[in-house]
Amino acid sequence: GRPKSTKFICNYRTLEHMDFDALRNMYYCNAYGDYVELKPGEFDPAI
């Protein structure tokens, strides 16, 4: 009954073939698996 943890689909040229609109939240993690969750936002070029 344990869920499947990982099934690798591809390890090469992955970012090149992604649709940016399909990218949801980002997770910046440490070696313990603790994380901060980042959400897409507007970039202010005037700063």
All heavy atoms as atom14 arrays in JSON, in Angstrom:
{
  "sequence": "GRPKSTKFICNYRTLEHMDFDALRNMYYCNAYGDYVELKPGEFDPAI",
  "atom14_mask": [
    [1, 1, 1, 1, 0, 0, 0, 0, 0, 0, 0, 0, 0, 0],
    [1, 1, 1, 1, 1, 1, 1, 1, 1, 1, 1, 0, 0, 0],
    [1, 1, 1, 1, 1, 1, 1, 0, 0, 0, 0, 0, 0, 0],
    [1, 1, 1, 1, 1, 1, 1, 1, 1, 0, 0, 0, 0, 0],
    [1, 1, 1, 1, 1, 1, 0, 0, 0, 0, 0, 0, 0, 0],
    [1, 1, 1, 1, 1, 1, 1, 0, 0, 0, 0, 0, 0, 0],
    [1, 1, 1, 1, 1, 1, 1, 1, 1, 0, 0, 0, 0, 0],
    [1, 1, 1, 1, 1, 1, 1, 1, 1, 1, 1, 0, 0, 0],
    [1, 1, 1, 1, 1, 1, 1, 1, 0, 0, 0, 0, 0, 0],
    [1, 1, 1, 1, 1, 1, 0, 0, 0, 0, 0, 0, 0, 0],
    [1, 1, 1, 1, 1, 1, 1, 1, 0, 0, 0, 0, 0, 0],
    [1, 1, 1, 1, 1, 1, 1, 1, 1, 1, 1, 1, 0, 0],
    [1, 1, 1, 1, 1, 1, 1, 1, 1, 1, 1, 0, 0, 0],
    [1, 1, 1, 1, 1, 1, 1, 0, 0, 0, 0, 0, 0, 0],
    [1, 1, 1, 1, 1, 1, 1, 1, 0, 0, 0, 0, 0, 0],
    [1, 1, 1, 1, 1, 1, 1, 1, 1, 0, 0, 0, 0, 0],
    [1, 1, 1, 1, 1, 1, 1, 1, 1, 1, 0, 0, 0, 0],
    [1, 1, 1, 1, 1, 1, 1, 1, 0, 0, 0, 0, 0, 0],
    [1, 1, 1, 1, 1, 1, 1, 1, 0, 0, 0, 0, 0, 0],
    [1, 1, 1, 1, 1, 1, 1, 1, 1, 1, 1, 0, 0, 0],
    [1, 1, 1, 1, 1, 1, 1, 1, 0, 0, 0, 0, 0, 0],
    [1, 1, 1, 1, 1, 0, 0, 0, 0, 0, 0, 0, 0, 0],
    [1, 1, 1, 1, 1, 1, 1, 1, 0, 0, 0, 0, 0, 0],
    [1, 1, 1, 1, 1, 1, 1, 1, 1, 1, 1, 0, 0, 0],
    [1, 1, 1, 1, 1, 1, 1, 1, 0, 0, 0, 0, 0, 0],
    [1, 1, 1, 1, 1, 1, 1, 1, 0, 0, 0, 0, 0, 0],
    [1, 1, 1, 1, 1, 1, 1, 1, 1, 1, 1, 1, 0, 0],
    [1, 1, 1, 1, 1, 1, 1, 1, 1, 1, 1, 1, 0, 0],
    [1, 1, 1, 1, 1, 1, 0, 0, 0, 0, 0, 0, 0, 0],
    [1, 1, 1, 1, 1, 1, 1, 1, 0, 0, 0, 0, 0, 0],
    [1, 1, 1, 1, 1, 0, 0, 0, 0, 0, 0, 0, 0, 0],
    [1, 1, 1, 1, 1, 1, 1, 1, 1, 1, 1, 1, 0, 0],
    [1, 1, 1, 1, 0, 0, 0, 0, 0, 0, 0, 0, 0, 0],
    [1, 1, 1, 1, 1, 1, 1, 1, 0, 0, 0, 0, 0, 0],
    [1, 1, 1, 1, 1, 1, 1, 1, 1, 1, 1, 1, 0, 0],
    [1, 1, 1, 1, 1, 1, 1, 0, 0, 0, 0, 0, 0, 0],
    [1, 1, 1, 1, 1, 1, 1, 1, 1, 0, 0, 0, 0, 0],
    [1, 1, 1, 1, 1, 1, 1, 1, 0, 0, 0, 0, 0, 0],
    [1, 1, 1, 1, 1, 1, 1, 1, 1, 0, 0, 0, 0, 0],
    [1, 1, 1, 1, 1, 1, 1, 0, 0, 0, 0, 0, 0, 0],
    [1, 1, 1, 1, 0, 0, 0, 0, 0, 0, 0, 0, 0, 0],
    [1, 1, 1, 1, 1, 1, 1, 1, 1, 0, 0, 0, 0, 0],
    [1, 1, 1, 1, 1, 1, 1, 1, 1, 1, 1, 0, 0, 0],
    [1, 1, 1, 1, 1, 1, 1, 1, 0, 0, 0, 0, 0, 0],
    [1, 1, 1, 1, 1, 1, 1, 0, 0, 0, 0, 0, 0, 0],
    [1, 1, 1, 1, 1, 0, 0, 0, 0, 0, 0, 0, 0, 0],
    [1, 1, 1, 1, 1, 1, 1, 1, 0, 0, 0, 0, 0, 0]
  ],
  "atom14_positions": [
    [[0.78, -1.23, 0.0], [0.0, 0.0, 0.0], [0.81, 1.28, 0.0], [0.25, 2.36, -0.16], [0.0, 0.0, 0.0], [0.0, 0.0, 0.0], [0.0, 0.0, 0.0], [0.0, 0.0, 0.0], [0.0, 0.0, 0.0], [0.0, 0.0, 0.0], [0.0, 0.0, 0.0], [0.0, 0.0, 0.0], [0.0, 0.0, 0.0], [0.0, 0.0, 0.0]],
    [[2.13, 1.16, 0.19], [2.97, 2.35, 0.18], [2.97, 2.98, -1.22], [3.04, 2.26, -2.23], [4.41, 2.02, 0.57], [4.6, 1.66, 2.03], [6.06, 1.33, 2.33], [6.5, 0.17, 1.59], [7.41, 0.2, 0.62], [7.94, 1.35, 0.23], [7.78, -0.93, 0.01], [0.0, 0.0, 0.0], [0.0, 0.0, 0.0], [0.0, 0.0, 0.0]],
    [[2.91, 4.32, -1.31], [2.92, 4.95, -2.62], [4.27, 4.81, -3.31], [5.31, 4.66, -2.67], [2.61, 6.42, -2.3], [3.08, 6.6, -0.89], [2.8, 5.29, -0.2], [0.0, 0.0, 0.0], [0.0, 0.0, 0.0], [0.0, 0.0, 0.0], [0.0, 0.0, 0.0], [0.0, 0.0, 0.0], [0.0, 0.0, 0.0], [0.0, 0.0, 0.0]],
    [[4.25, 4.82, -4.62], [5.47, 4.78, -5.42], [6.2, 6.12, -5.26], [5.63, 7.18, -5.47], [5.13, 4.55, -6.9], [6.31, 4.56, -7.85], [7.17, 3.32, -7.7], [8.23, 3.26, -8.79], [9.15, 2.11, -8.61], [0.0, 0.0, 0.0], [0.0, 0.0, 0.0], [0.0, 0.0, 0.0], [0.0, 0.0, 0.0], [0.0, 0.0, 0.0]],
    [[7.47, 6.04, -4.88], [8.21, 7.27, -4.55], [8.75, 7.97, -5.78], [8.55, 9.18, -5.97], [9.37, 6.95, -3.6], [8.89, 6.38, -2.4], [0.0, 0.0, 0.0], [0.0, 0.0, 0.0], [0.0, 0.0, 0.0], [0.0, 0.0, 0.0], [0.0, 0.0, 0.0], [0.0, 0.0, 0.0], [0.0, 0.0, 0.0], [0.0, 0.0, 0.0]],
    [[9.45, 7.24, -6.64], [10.05, 7.86, -7.81], [10.04, 6.92, -9.0], [10.33, 5.72, -8.87], [11.52, 8.28, -7.55], [12.25, 7.14, -7.07], [11.61, 9.4, -6.55], [0.0, 0.0, 0.0], [0.0, 0.0, 0.0], [0.0, 0.0, 0.0], [0.0, 0.0, 0.0], [0.0, 0.0, 0.0], [0.0, 0.0, 0.0], [0.0, 0.0, 0.0]],
    [[9.73, 7.46, -10.14], [9.87, 6.78, -11.42], [10.52, 7.79, -12.37], [9.89, 8.76, -12.8], [8.52, 6.32, -11.96], [8.59, 5.73, -13.37], [9.4, 4.46, -13.43], [9.43, 3.87, -14.84], [10.22, 2.61, -14.91], [0.0, 0.0, 0.0], [0.0, 0.0, 0.0], [0.0, 0.0, 0.0], [0.0, 0.0, 0.0], [0.0, 0.0, 0.0]],
    [[11.81, 7.58, -12.66], [12.53, 8.53, -13.5], [12.04, 8.43, -14.93], [11.95, 7.35, -15.51], [14.03, 8.27, -13.43], [14.67, 8.78, -12.17], [14.56, 8.08, -10.98], [15.37, 9.98, -12.17], [15.13, 8.55, -9.81], [15.95, 10.46, -11.01], [15.84, 9.75, -9.83], [0.0, 0.0, 0.0], [0.0, 0.0, 0.0], [0.0, 0.0, 0.0]],
    [[11.71, 9.58, -15.5], [11.22, 9.66, -16.87], [12.33, 10.05, -17.83], [12.49, 9.47, -18.9], [10.05, 10.66, -16.98], [8.89, 10.21, -16.1], [9.6, 10.82, -18.42], [7.77, 11.23, -15.99], [0.0, 0.0, 0.0], [0.0, 0.0, 0.0], [0.0, 0.0, 0.0], [0.0, 0.0, 0.0], [0.0, 0.0, 0.0], [0.0, 0.0, 0.0]],
    [[13.14, 11.03, -17.4], [14.2, 11.52, -18.28], [15.23, 12.26, -17.42], [14.87, 12.94, -16.46], [13.63, 12.45, -19.34], [14.84, 13.04, -20.56], [0.0, 0.0, 0.0], [0.0, 0.0, 0.0], [0.0, 0.0, 0.0], [0.0, 0.0, 0.0], [0.0, 0.0, 0.0], [0.0, 0.0, 0.0], [0.0, 0.0, 0.0], [0.0, 0.0, 0.0]],
    [[16.52, 12.13, -17.8], [17.6, 12.82, -17.09], [18.41, 13.73, -18.01], [19.47, 14.2, -17.59], [18.56, 11.79, -16.47], [17.9, 10.96, -15.4], [17.32, 11.5, -14.47], [17.98, 9.64, -15.53], [0.0, 0.0, 0.0], [0.0, 0.0, 0.0], [0.0, 0.0, 0.0], [0.0, 0.0, 0.0], [0.0, 0.0, 0.0], [0.0, 0.0, 0.0]],
    [[17.95, 13.98, -19.22], [18.77, 14.69, -20.19], [17.93, 15.72, -20.93], [16.83, 15.41, -21.41], [19.38, 13.69, -21.18], [20.23, 14.29, -22.27], [21.41, 14.96, -21.96], [19.86, 14.19, -23.6], [22.2, 15.5, -22.95], [20.65, 14.72, -24.61], [21.81, 15.39, -24.28], [22.6, 15.93, -25.27], [0.0, 0.0, 0.0], [0.0, 0.0, 0.0]],
    [[18.41, 16.95, -20.97], [17.76, 18.06, -21.7], [16.31, 18.26, -21.23], [15.43, 18.57, -22.03], [17.83, 17.83, -23.22], [19.23, 17.83, -23.77], [19.26, 17.47, -25.25], [18.58, 18.48, -26.05], [18.35, 18.35, -27.37], [18.71, 17.25, -28.0], [17.74, 19.31, -28.03], [0.0, 0.0, 0.0], [0.0, 0.0, 0.0], [0.0, 0.0, 0.0]],
    [[16.09, 18.07, -19.96], [14.73, 18.16, -19.43], [14.19, 19.58, -19.46], [13.07, 19.82, -19.93], [14.68, 17.6, -18.01], [15.69, 18.23, -17.21], [14.9, 16.1, -18.0], [0.0, 0.0, 0.0], [0.0, 0.0, 0.0], [0.0, 0.0, 0.0], [0.0, 0.0, 0.0], [0.0, 0.0, 0.0], [0.0, 0.0, 0.0], [0.0, 0.0, 0.0]],
    [[14.94, 20.54, -18.96], [14.45, 21.91, -18.89], [14.17, 22.48, -20.27], [13.21, 23.22, -20.47], [15.48, 22.79, -18.16], [15.09, 24.26, -17.95], [13.77, 24.38, -17.21], [16.19, 25.0, -17.2], [0.0, 0.0, 0.0], [0.0, 0.0, 0.0], [0.0, 0.0, 0.0], [0.0, 0.0, 0.0], [0.0, 0.0, 0.0], [0.0, 0.0, 0.0]],
    [[14.98, 22.1, -21.22], [14.83, 22.6, -22.59], [13.47, 22.26, -23.19], [12.96, 23.0, -24.04], [15.95, 22.0, -23.46], [15.93, 22.41, -24.92], [17.02, 21.75, -25.72], [17.97, 21.2, -25.1], [16.94, 21.76, -26.96], [0.0, 0.0, 0.0], [0.0, 0.0, 0.0], [0.0, 0.0, 0.0], [0.0, 0.0, 0.0], [0.0, 0.0, 0.0]],
    [[12.87, 21.16, -22.73], [11.61, 20.71, -23.33], [10.4, 20.93, -22.41], [9.34, 20.35, -22.64], [11.72, 19.22, -23.69], [12.73, 18.95, -24.76], [14.04, 18.6, -24.5], [12.63, 19.02, -26.12], [14.69, 18.44, -25.62], [13.87, 18.68, -26.63], [0.0, 0.0, 0.0], [0.0, 0.0, 0.0], [0.0, 0.0, 0.0], [0.0, 0.0, 0.0]],
    [[10.57, 21.77, -21.41], [9.46, 22.07, -20.5], [8.68, 23.29, -20.97], [9.25, 24.21, -21.57], [9.97, 22.33, -19.09], [10.56, 21.12, -18.39], [9.41, 19.75, -18.2], [8.1, 20.55, -17.27], [0.0, 0.0, 0.0], [0.0, 0.0, 0.0], [0.0, 0.0, 0.0], [0.0, 0.0, 0.0], [0.0, 0.0, 0.0], [0.0, 0.0, 0.0]],
    [[7.4, 23.31, -20.68], [6.56, 24.48, -20.89], [6.56, 25.28, -19.59], [6.16, 24.76, -18.54], [5.14, 24.04, -21.25], [4.19, 25.2, -21.5], [4.6, 26.37, -21.29], [3.04, 24.94, -21.88], [0.0, 0.0, 0.0], [0.0, 0.0, 0.0], [0.0, 0.0, 0.0], [0.0, 0.0, 0.0], [0.0, 0.0, 0.0], [0.0, 0.0, 0.0]],
    [[7.02, 26.53, -19.62], [7.08, 27.34, -18.41], [5.71, 27.43, -17.71], [5.64, 27.5, -16.49], [7.57, 28.74, -18.72], [9.05, 28.82, -19.05], [9.62, 30.02, -19.42], [9.86, 27.7, -18.98], [10.97, 30.11, -19.72], [11.21, 27.77, -19.28], [11.77, 28.98, -19.65], [0.0, 0.0, 0.0], [0.0, 0.0, 0.0], [0.0, 0.0, 0.0]],
    [[4.64, 27.42, -18.5], [3.31, 27.55, -17.92], [2.92, 26.32, -17.1], [1.97, 26.38, -16.3], [2.27, 27.78, -19.02], [2.43, 29.13, -19.7], [2.96, 30.05, -19.06], [2.05, 29.26, -20.88], [0.0, 0.0, 0.0], [0.0, 0.0, 0.0], [0.0, 0.0, 0.0], [0.0, 0.0, 0.0], [0.0, 0.0, 0.0], [0.0, 0.0, 0.0]],
    [[3.63, 25.2, -17.31], [3.33, 23.98, -16.56], [4.08, 23.92, -15.23], [3.83, 23.02, -14.43], [3.68, 22.75, -17.4], [0.0, 0.0, 0.0], [0.0, 0.0, 0.0], [0.0, 0.0, 0.0], [0.0, 0.0, 0.0], [0.0, 0.0, 0.0], [0.0, 0.0, 0.0], [0.0, 0.0, 0.0], [0.0, 0.0, 0.0], [0.0, 0.0, 0.0]],
    [[4.98, 24.87, -15.0], [5.75, 24.88, -13.76], [4.93, 25.52, -12.65], [4.49, 26.66, -12.77], [7.06, 25.66, -13.97], [7.98, 25.13, -15.1], [9.23, 25.99, -15.18], [8.33, 23.67, -14.88], [0.0, 0.0, 0.0], [0.0, 0.0, 0.0], [0.0, 0.0, 0.0], [0.0, 0.0, 0.0], [0.0, 0.0, 0.0], [0.0, 0.0, 0.0]],
    [[4.73, 24.79, -11.58], [3.96, 25.31, -10.46], [4.91, 25.77, -9.36], [5.86, 26.5, -9.64], [2.95, 24.25, -10.01], [2.05, 23.81, -11.19], [0.78, 23.11, -10.78], [1.0, 21.81, -10.16], [0.03, 20.93, -9.91], [-1.23, 21.2, -10.26], [0.28, 19.77, -9.35], [0.0, 0.0, 0.0], [0.0, 0.0, 0.0], [0.0, 0.0, 0.0]],
    [[4.73, 25.38, -8.14], [5.57, 25.9, -7.05], [6.95, 25.25, -7.04], [7.11, 24.09, -7.41], [4.89, 25.71, -5.71], [3.67, 26.59, -5.56], [3.41, 27.45, -6.41], [2.9, 26.37, -4.53], [0.0, 0.0, 0.0], [0.0, 0.0, 0.0], [0.0, 0.0, 0.0], [0.0, 0.0, 0.0], [0.0, 0.0, 0.0], [0.0, 0.0, 0.0]],
    [[7.93, 26.03, -6.57], [9.32, 25.58, -6.49], [9.66, 25.28, -5.03], [9.18, 25.96, -4.12], [10.26, 26.67, -7.04], [11.75, 26.34, -6.94], [12.8, 27.71, -7.52], [12.54, 27.6, -9.3], [0.0, 0.0, 0.0], [0.0, 0.0, 0.0], [0.0, 0.0, 0.0], [0.0, 0.0, 0.0], [0.0, 0.0, 0.0], [0.0, 0.0, 0.0]],
    [[10.54, 24.28, -4.83], [10.94, 23.88, -3.49], [12.46, 23.92, -3.38], [13.17, 23.18, -4.07], [10.4, 22.48, -3.17], [8.89, 22.45, -3.18], [8.18, 22.3, -4.37], [8.16, 22.63, -2.0], [6.8, 22.3, -4.39], [6.78, 22.64, -2.01], [6.11, 22.48, -3.2], [4.73, 22.5, -3.22], [0.0, 0.0, 0.0], [0.0, 0.0, 0.0]],
    [[12.92, 24.82, -2.52], [14.35, 24.98, -2.24], [14.62, 24.2, -0.96], [14.12, 24.55, 0.11], [14.63, 26.47, -2.07], [16.05, 26.88, -1.82], [16.66, 27.82, -2.65], [16.79, 26.4, -0.75], [17.96, 28.24, -2.42], [18.09, 26.81, -0.51], [18.66, 27.72, -1.36], [19.96, 28.14, -1.13], [0.0, 0.0, 0.0], [0.0, 0.0, 0.0]],
    [[15.39, 23.11, -1.06], [15.49, 22.14, 0.03], [16.92, 22.01, 0.54], [17.89, 22.23, -0.2], [15.04, 20.76, -0.44], [13.46, 20.75, -1.33], [0.0, 0.0, 0.0], [0.0, 0.0, 0.0], [0.0, 0.0, 0.0], [0.0, 0.0, 0.0], [0.0, 0.0, 0.0], [0.0, 0.0, 0.0], [0.0, 0.0, 0.0], [0.0, 0.0, 0.0]],
    [[17.04, 21.63, 1.8], [18.35, 21.31, 2.36], [18.56, 19.8, 2.36], [17.72, 19.03, 1.89], [18.52, 21.9, 3.76], [17.51, 21.35, 4.77], [16.98, 20.26, 4.6], [17.25, 22.11, 5.82], [0.0, 0.0, 0.0], [0.0, 0.0, 0.0], [0.0, 0.0, 0.0], [0.0, 0.0, 0.0], [0.0, 0.0, 0.0], [0.0, 0.0, 0.0]],
    [[19.71, 19.36, 2.89], [20.07, 17.95, 2.84], [19.18, 17.07, 3.72], [19.22, 15.85, 3.6], [21.53, 17.78, 3.24], [0.0, 0.0, 0.0], [0.0, 0.0, 0.0], [0.0, 0.0, 0.0], [0.0, 0.0, 0.0], [0.0, 0.0, 0.0], [0.0, 0.0, 0.0], [0.0, 0.0, 0.0], [0.0, 0.0, 0.0], [0.0, 0.0, 0.0]],
    [[18.38, 17.69, 4.58], [17.47, 16.93, 5.43], [16.07, 16.82, 4.82], [15.2, 16.15, 5.39], [17.36, 17.59, 6.81], [18.69, 17.73, 7.51], [19.34, 18.97, 7.54], [19.31, 16.64, 8.12], [20.57, 19.11, 8.16], [20.54, 16.78, 8.75], [21.16, 18.01, 8.77], [22.38, 18.15, 9.38], [0.0, 0.0, 0.0], [0.0, 0.0, 0.0]],
    [[15.87, 17.49, 3.7], [14.56, 17.48, 3.07], [13.64, 18.57, 3.58], [12.47, 18.64, 3.19], [0.0, 0.0, 0.0], [0.0, 0.0, 0.0], [0.0, 0.0, 0.0], [0.0, 0.0, 0.0], [0.0, 0.0, 0.0], [0.0, 0.0, 0.0], [0.0, 0.0, 0.0], [0.0, 0.0, 0.0], [0.0, 0.0, 0.0], [0.0, 0.0, 0.0]],
    [[14.14, 19.46, 4.47], [13.36, 20.64, 4.86], [13.4, 21.63, 3.71], [14.37, 21.68, 2.95], [13.96, 21.28, 6.11], [14.06, 20.29, 7.27], [13.12, 19.5, 7.45], [15.1, 20.29, 7.96], [0.0, 0.0, 0.0], [0.0, 0.0, 0.0], [0.0, 0.0, 0.0], [0.0, 0.0, 0.0], [0.0, 0.0, 0.0], [0.0, 0.0, 0.0]],
    [[12.37, 22.45, 3.58], [12.29, 23.28, 2.39], [11.6, 24.61, 2.67], [10.91, 24.8, 3.69], [11.51, 22.55, 1.28], [10.06, 22.3, 1.63], [9.08, 23.26, 1.38], [9.65, 21.1, 2.22], [7.75, 23.05, 1.71], [8.33, 20.88, 2.56], [7.39, 21.85, 2.29], [6.07, 21.64, 2.64], [0.0, 0.0, 0.0], [0.0, 0.0, 0.0]],
    [[11.8, 25.54, 1.71], [11.0, 26.74, 1.62], [10.3, 26.68, 0.27], [10.91, 26.32, -0.75], [11.85, 28.02, 1.77], [12.97, 28.08, 0.74], [10.98, 29.27, 1.66], [0.0, 0.0, 0.0], [0.0, 0.0, 0.0], [0.0, 0.0, 0.0], [0.0, 0.0, 0.0], [0.0, 0.0, 0.0], [0.0, 0.0, 0.0], [0.0, 0.0, 0.0]],
    [[9.02, 26.99, 0.26], [8.21, 26.89, -0.95], [8.13, 28.27, -1.61], [7.72, 29.25, -0.98], [6.82, 26.38, -0.59], [5.9, 26.17, -1.78], [4.54, 25.64, -1.36], [4.28, 25.58, -0.13], [3.74, 25.28, -2.24], [0.0, 0.0, 0.0], [0.0, 0.0, 0.0], [0.0, 0.0, 0.0], [0.0, 0.0, 0.0], [0.0, 0.0, 0.0]],
    [[8.49, 28.33, -2.88], [8.47, 29.57, -3.65], [7.38, 29.51, -4.7], [7.24, 28.49, -5.39], [9.83, 29.82, -4.33], [11.08, 29.72, -3.45], [12.33, 29.97, -4.28], [11.0, 30.71, -2.3], [0.0, 0.0, 0.0], [0.0, 0.0, 0.0], [0.0, 0.0, 0.0], [0.0, 0.0, 0.0], [0.0, 0.0, 0.0], [0.0, 0.0, 0.0]],
    [[6.65, 30.6, -4.84], [5.57, 30.65, -5.82], [5.92, 31.59, -6.97], [6.63, 32.57, -6.77], [4.28, 31.12, -5.14], [3.81, 30.18, -4.03], [2.53, 30.68, -3.38], [2.08, 29.72, -2.28], [0.84, 30.17, -1.61], [0.0, 0.0, 0.0], [0.0, 0.0, 0.0], [0.0, 0.0, 0.0], [0.0, 0.0, 0.0], [0.0, 0.0, 0.0]],
    [[5.44, 31.3, -8.18], [5.71, 32.21, -9.31], [5.18, 33.6, -9.01], [4.16, 33.77, -8.34], [4.96, 31.56, -10.48], [4.69, 30.16, -10.06], [4.58, 30.17, -8.57], [0.0, 0.0, 0.0], [0.0, 0.0, 0.0], [0.0, 0.0, 0.0], [0.0, 0.0, 0.0], [0.0, 0.0, 0.0], [0.0, 0.0, 0.0], [0.0, 0.0, 0.0]],
    [[5.88, 34.61, -9.48], [5.48, 35.98, -9.24], [5.96, 36.91, -10.33], [6.67, 36.5, -11.25], [0.0, 0.0, 0.0], [0.0, 0.0, 0.0], [0.0, 0.0, 0.0], [0.0, 0.0, 0.0], [0.0, 0.0, 0.0], [0.0, 0.0, 0.0], [0.0, 0.0, 0.0], [0.0, 0.0, 0.0], [0.0, 0.0, 0.0], [0.0, 0.0, 0.0]],
    [[5.59, 38.16, -10.22], [5.99, 39.16, -11.19], [7.39, 39.69, -10.85], [7.71, 39.92, -9.68], [5.0, 40.32, -11.2], [3.6, 39.95, -11.68], [3.59, 39.5, -13.12], [4.36, 40.07, -13.92], [2.82, 38.57, -13.45], [0.0, 0.0, 0.0], [0.0, 0.0, 0.0], [0.0, 0.0, 0.0], [0.0, 0.0, 0.0], [0.0, 0.0, 0.0]],
    [[8.19, 39.87, -11.86], [9.51, 40.47, -11.67], [9.41, 41.96, -11.89], [8.85, 42.41, -12.89], [10.52, 39.86, -12.65], [11.89, 40.46, -12.54], [12.76, 40.05, -11.54], [12.32, 41.43, -13.42], [14.02, 40.6, -11.42], [13.57, 41.99, -13.32], [14.43, 41.58, -12.31], [0.0, 0.0, 0.0], [0.0, 0.0, 0.0], [0.0, 0.0, 0.0]],
    [[9.95, 42.75, -10.97], [9.91, 44.2, -11.07], [11.24, 44.71, -11.62], [12.23, 44.78, -10.88], [9.64, 44.82, -9.7], [9.49, 46.34, -9.76], [9.6, 46.9, -10.88], [9.26, 46.96, -8.71], [0.0, 0.0, 0.0], [0.0, 0.0, 0.0], [0.0, 0.0, 0.0], [0.0, 0.0, 0.0], [0.0, 0.0, 0.0], [0.0, 0.0, 0.0]],
    [[11.32, 45.05, -12.89], [12.59, 45.51, -13.46], [12.99, 46.9, -13.01], [14.13, 47.34, -13.26], [12.32, 45.48, -14.97], [10.84, 45.71, -15.08], [10.23, 45.05, -13.87], [0.0, 0.0, 0.0], [0.0, 0.0, 0.0], [0.0, 0.0, 0.0], [0.0, 0.0, 0.0], [0.0, 0.0, 0.0], [0.0, 0.0, 0.0], [0.0, 0.0, 0.0]],
    [[12.08, 47.6, -12.32], [12.38, 48.98, -11.91], [13.24, 49.04, -10.66], [13.78, 50.09, -10.33], [11.08, 49.74, -11.67], [0.0, 0.0, 0.0], [0.0, 0.0, 0.0], [0.0, 0.0, 0.0], [0.0, 0.0, 0.0], [0.0, 0.0, 0.0], [0.0, 0.0, 0.0], [0.0, 0.0, 0.0], [0.0, 0.0, 0.0], [0.0, 0.0, 0.0]],
    [[13.38, 47.9, -9.95], [14.21, 47.9, -8.75], [15.66, 48.16, -9.13], [16.22, 47.5, -10.01], [14.09, 46.56, -8.0], [12.66, 46.37, -7.5], [15.06, 46.51, -6.82], [12.43, 45.04, -6.81], [0.0, 0.0, 0.0], [0.0, 0.0, 0.0], [0.0, 0.0, 0.0], [0.0, 0.0, 0.0], [0.0, 0.0, 0.0], [0.0, 0.0, 0.0]]
  ]
}
